[in-house]
Amino acid sequence: MPAAEAARVLAGRFGVSARQARRYADQARASGRTEVPEASVVFTVKLPAALAGRVRAHARESETTISAVVTRALTEFLARGRRNNPRR
């Protein structure tokens, strides 16, 4: 299937922009497969300024986004909480 058509299908099926869907289609063409991540939502929290600065610095040093750092940290934190408290 042509990449443009695949992108239209991906955009409709996964609710991503046409531009992002095209990136996924191009990645899949190059590597054979690619995972389309779950849709993201804006989630605003207030953090102490020093902590926010540390998160920004870590993201910059890791060459990743703040969202990726927070997603990883919260996923690991919540998984650990379930292991330590199986009633949840």
N, C-alpha and C. Protein backbone atom coordinates (compact mmCIF):
# COMPACT_ATOMS: atom_id res chain seq x y z
N MET A 1 0.85 -1.16 0.00
CA MET A 1 0.00 0.00 0.00
C MET A 1 0.91 1.23 0.00
N PRO A 2 0.60 2.22 -0.79
CA PRO A 2 1.41 3.44 -0.81
C PRO A 2 1.42 4.11 0.58
N ALA A 3 2.53 4.77 0.90
CA ALA A 3 2.70 5.38 2.22
C ALA A 3 1.61 6.42 2.51
N ALA A 4 1.21 7.18 1.52
CA ALA A 4 0.18 8.21 1.74
C ALA A 4 -1.14 7.57 2.14
N GLU A 5 -1.49 6.48 1.48
CA GLU A 5 -2.73 5.78 1.81
C GLU A 5 -2.63 5.13 3.19
N ALA A 6 -1.49 4.53 3.47
CA ALA A 6 -1.27 3.92 4.79
C ALA A 6 -1.38 4.99 5.88
N ALA A 7 -0.85 6.16 5.61
CA ALA A 7 -0.91 7.25 6.59
C ALA A 7 -2.35 7.66 6.85
N ARG A 8 -3.18 7.73 5.82
CA ARG A 8 -4.59 8.08 6.00
C ARG A 8 -5.29 7.03 6.86
N VAL A 9 -5.01 5.76 6.61
CA VAL A 9 -5.61 4.68 7.39
C VAL A 9 -5.16 4.77 8.85
N LEU A 10 -3.85 4.96 9.08
CA LEU A 10 -3.34 5.07 10.44
C LEU A 10 -3.94 6.26 11.18
N ALA A 11 -4.02 7.39 10.51
CA ALA A 11 -4.57 8.59 11.13
C ALA A 11 -6.00 8.36 11.59
N GLY A 12 -6.79 7.72 10.75
CA GLY A 12 -8.18 7.43 11.11
C GLY A 12 -8.31 6.39 12.20
N ARG A 13 -7.52 5.35 12.12
CA ARG A 13 -7.62 4.24 13.07
C ARG A 13 -7.10 4.60 14.46
N PHE A 14 -6.00 5.37 14.51
CA PHE A 14 -5.37 5.64 15.80
C PHE A 14 -5.55 7.07 16.29
N GLY A 15 -6.25 7.90 15.53
CA GLY A 15 -6.53 9.25 15.98
C GLY A 15 -5.29 10.13 16.09
N VAL A 16 -4.33 9.93 15.18
CA VAL A 16 -3.14 10.77 15.16
C VAL A 16 -3.23 11.69 13.96
N SER A 17 -2.38 12.70 13.95
CA SER A 17 -2.39 13.63 12.82
C SER A 17 -1.88 12.92 11.57
N ALA A 18 -2.22 13.48 10.42
CA ALA A 18 -1.75 12.91 9.15
C ALA A 18 -0.23 12.95 9.08
N ARG A 19 0.37 14.02 9.60
CA ARG A 19 1.84 14.14 9.59
C ARG A 19 2.47 13.04 10.45
N GLN A 20 1.93 12.82 11.66
CA GLN A 20 2.48 11.77 12.53
C GLN A 20 2.24 10.39 11.92
N ALA A 21 1.07 10.19 11.34
CA ALA A 21 0.78 8.91 10.70
C ALA A 21 1.76 8.64 9.56
N ARG A 22 2.12 9.67 8.82
CA ARG A 22 3.09 9.51 7.73
C ARG A 22 4.45 9.09 8.30
N ARG A 23 4.83 9.67 9.44
CA ARG A 23 6.10 9.27 10.08
C ARG A 23 6.06 7.79 10.45
N TYR A 24 4.94 7.34 11.02
CA TYR A 24 4.82 5.93 11.38
C TYR A 24 4.89 5.04 10.14
N ALA A 25 4.23 5.46 9.07
CA ALA A 25 4.25 4.67 7.83
C ALA A 25 5.67 4.60 7.27
N ASP A 26 6.38 5.72 7.30
CA ASP A 26 7.77 5.72 6.83
C ASP A 26 8.67 4.84 7.69
N GLN A 27 8.48 4.89 9.02
CA GLN A 27 9.27 4.04 9.92
C GLN A 27 8.99 2.57 9.65
N ALA A 28 7.72 2.23 9.45
CA ALA A 28 7.36 0.84 9.19
C ALA A 28 7.95 0.37 7.87
N ARG A 29 7.96 1.24 6.86
CA ARG A 29 8.54 0.87 5.57
C ARG A 29 10.04 0.60 5.72
N ALA A 30 10.72 1.40 6.55
CA ALA A 30 12.17 1.28 6.72
C ALA A 30 12.55 0.05 7.56
N SER A 31 11.76 -0.24 8.59
CA SER A 31 12.15 -1.32 9.51
C SER A 31 11.22 -2.53 9.48
N GLY A 32 10.17 -2.47 8.71
CA GLY A 32 9.25 -3.61 8.62
C GLY A 32 8.05 -3.49 9.55
N ARG A 33 8.25 -2.90 10.72
CA ARG A 33 7.16 -2.72 11.68
C ARG A 33 7.46 -1.51 12.53
N THR A 34 6.41 -0.92 13.07
CA THR A 34 6.59 0.13 14.07
C THR A 34 5.36 0.14 14.96
N GLU A 35 5.56 0.50 16.20
CA GLU A 35 4.45 0.53 17.15
C GLU A 35 3.87 1.93 17.18
N VAL A 36 2.55 2.02 17.10
CA VAL A 36 1.86 3.30 17.22
C VAL A 36 1.49 3.45 18.69
N PRO A 37 2.06 4.46 19.36
CA PRO A 37 1.78 4.60 20.79
C PRO A 37 0.35 5.04 21.06
N GLU A 38 -0.06 4.80 22.28
CA GLU A 38 -1.38 5.24 22.73
C GLU A 38 -1.49 6.75 22.60
N ALA A 39 -2.68 7.24 22.32
CA ALA A 39 -2.89 8.68 22.21
C ALA A 39 -2.53 9.35 23.52
N SER A 40 -1.99 10.56 23.44
CA SER A 40 -1.59 11.31 24.62
C SER A 40 -2.62 12.39 24.92
N VAL A 41 -2.67 12.78 26.18
CA VAL A 41 -3.53 13.87 26.61
C VAL A 41 -2.69 14.86 27.41
N VAL A 42 -3.15 16.08 27.46
CA VAL A 42 -2.47 17.08 28.28
C VAL A 42 -2.89 16.85 29.72
N PHE A 43 -1.91 16.81 30.61
CA PHE A 43 -2.15 16.56 32.04
C PHE A 43 -1.26 17.53 32.79
N THR A 44 -1.85 18.57 33.35
CA THR A 44 -1.09 19.63 33.99
C THR A 44 -0.96 19.37 35.48
N VAL A 45 0.25 19.46 35.98
CA VAL A 45 0.51 19.33 37.42
C VAL A 45 1.39 20.49 37.86
N LYS A 46 1.33 20.80 39.13
CA LYS A 46 2.22 21.82 39.69
C LYS A 46 3.32 21.10 40.44
N LEU A 47 4.56 21.49 40.15
CA LEU A 47 5.73 20.90 40.79
C LEU A 47 6.55 22.02 41.42
N PRO A 48 7.30 21.68 42.47
CA PRO A 48 8.24 22.68 42.97
C PRO A 48 9.20 23.07 41.85
N ALA A 49 9.58 24.34 41.83
CA ALA A 49 10.43 24.86 40.75
C ALA A 49 11.73 24.07 40.62
N ALA A 50 12.32 23.69 41.74
CA ALA A 50 13.59 22.95 41.68
C ALA A 50 13.40 21.58 41.03
N LEU A 51 12.30 20.91 41.35
CA LEU A 51 12.05 19.60 40.75
C LEU A 51 11.79 19.74 39.25
N ALA A 52 11.01 20.73 38.87
CA ALA A 52 10.75 20.95 37.44
C ALA A 52 12.06 21.21 36.71
N GLY A 53 12.96 21.97 37.33
CA GLY A 53 14.26 22.23 36.72
C GLY A 53 15.07 20.96 36.56
N ARG A 54 15.03 20.09 37.55
CA ARG A 54 15.75 18.82 37.48
C ARG A 54 15.19 17.93 36.37
N VAL A 55 13.86 17.93 36.22
CA VAL A 55 13.23 17.13 35.16
C VAL A 55 13.65 17.66 33.80
N ARG A 56 13.61 18.97 33.62
CA ARG A 56 14.04 19.58 32.34
C ARG A 56 15.49 19.24 32.03
N ALA A 57 16.35 19.37 33.05
CA ALA A 57 17.77 19.08 32.85
C ALA A 57 17.99 17.62 32.48
N HIS A 58 17.28 16.72 33.16
CA HIS A 58 17.41 15.29 32.86
C HIS A 58 16.97 15.00 31.43
N ALA A 59 15.86 15.60 31.02
CA ALA A 59 15.37 15.39 29.65
C ALA A 59 16.40 15.89 28.64
N ARG A 60 16.96 17.05 28.90
CA ARG A 60 17.96 17.62 27.98
C ARG A 60 19.19 16.72 27.91
N GLU A 61 19.68 16.27 29.08
CA GLU A 61 20.87 15.41 29.12
C GLU A 61 20.61 14.06 28.45
N SER A 62 19.38 13.57 28.57
CA SER A 62 19.01 12.28 27.99
C SER A 62 18.61 12.39 26.52
N GLU A 63 18.59 13.64 26.02
CA GLU A 63 18.16 13.92 24.65
C GLU A 63 16.78 13.33 24.38
N THR A 64 15.87 13.59 25.31
CA THR A 64 14.49 13.13 25.18
C THR A 64 13.57 14.27 25.61
N THR A 65 12.29 14.02 25.63
CA THR A 65 11.33 15.06 26.00
C THR A 65 10.99 14.96 27.48
N ILE A 66 10.51 16.06 28.03
CA ILE A 66 10.02 16.05 29.41
C ILE A 66 8.90 15.03 29.54
N SER A 67 8.01 14.98 28.55
CA SER A 67 6.91 14.02 28.60
C SER A 67 7.40 12.59 28.68
N ALA A 68 8.45 12.27 27.94
CA ALA A 68 8.99 10.91 27.97
C ALA A 68 9.59 10.59 29.33
N VAL A 69 10.29 11.56 29.94
CA VAL A 69 10.87 11.35 31.26
C VAL A 69 9.77 11.11 32.29
N VAL A 70 8.75 11.95 32.28
CA VAL A 70 7.66 11.83 33.26
C VAL A 70 6.86 10.55 33.02
N THR A 71 6.61 10.20 31.76
CA THR A 71 5.89 8.96 31.46
C THR A 71 6.64 7.76 32.01
N ARG A 72 7.93 7.69 31.76
CA ARG A 72 8.73 6.57 32.25
C ARG A 72 8.72 6.52 33.78
N ALA A 73 8.92 7.68 34.41
CA ALA A 73 8.99 7.73 35.87
C ALA A 73 7.66 7.32 36.51
N LEU A 74 6.56 7.82 35.99
CA LEU A 74 5.26 7.48 36.56
C LEU A 74 4.89 6.02 36.30
N THR A 75 5.22 5.51 35.12
CA THR A 75 4.96 4.11 34.81
C THR A 75 5.71 3.20 35.78
N GLU A 76 6.98 3.48 36.00
CA GLU A 76 7.79 2.68 36.92
C GLU A 76 7.27 2.82 38.35
N PHE A 77 6.93 4.04 38.77
CA PHE A 77 6.42 4.27 40.12
C PHE A 77 5.12 3.50 40.35
N LEU A 78 4.20 3.59 39.42
CA LEU A 78 2.91 2.91 39.59
C LEU A 78 3.05 1.39 39.55
N ALA A 79 3.95 0.88 38.71
CA ALA A 79 4.19 -0.57 38.67
C ALA A 79 4.78 -1.05 39.99
N ARG A 80 5.69 -0.30 40.55
CA ARG A 80 6.30 -0.66 41.83
C ARG A 80 5.25 -0.64 42.94
N GLY A 81 4.36 0.33 42.90
CA GLY A 81 3.30 0.43 43.91
C GLY A 81 2.40 -0.80 43.90
N ARG A 82 2.10 -1.32 42.72
CA ARG A 82 1.26 -2.53 42.62
C ARG A 82 1.98 -3.75 43.16
N ARG A 83 3.28 -3.83 42.92
CA ARG A 83 4.06 -4.97 43.43
C ARG A 83 4.13 -4.93 44.94
N ASN A 84 4.27 -3.74 45.51
CA ASN A 84 4.41 -3.60 46.95
C ASN A 84 3.08 -3.61 47.70
N ASN A 85 1.99 -3.39 46.99
CA ASN A 85 0.68 -3.36 47.62
C ASN A 85 -0.31 -4.08 46.71
N PRO A 86 -0.36 -5.42 46.73
CA PRO A 86 -1.16 -6.18 45.78
C PRO A 86 -2.67 -5.97 45.89
N ARG A 87 -3.16 -5.31 46.92
CA ARG A 87 -4.60 -5.08 47.05
C ARG A 87 -5.12 -4.00 46.11
N ARG A 88 -4.25 -3.26 45.52
CA ARG A 88 -4.66 -2.18 44.60
C ARG A 88 -4.98 -2.69 43.25
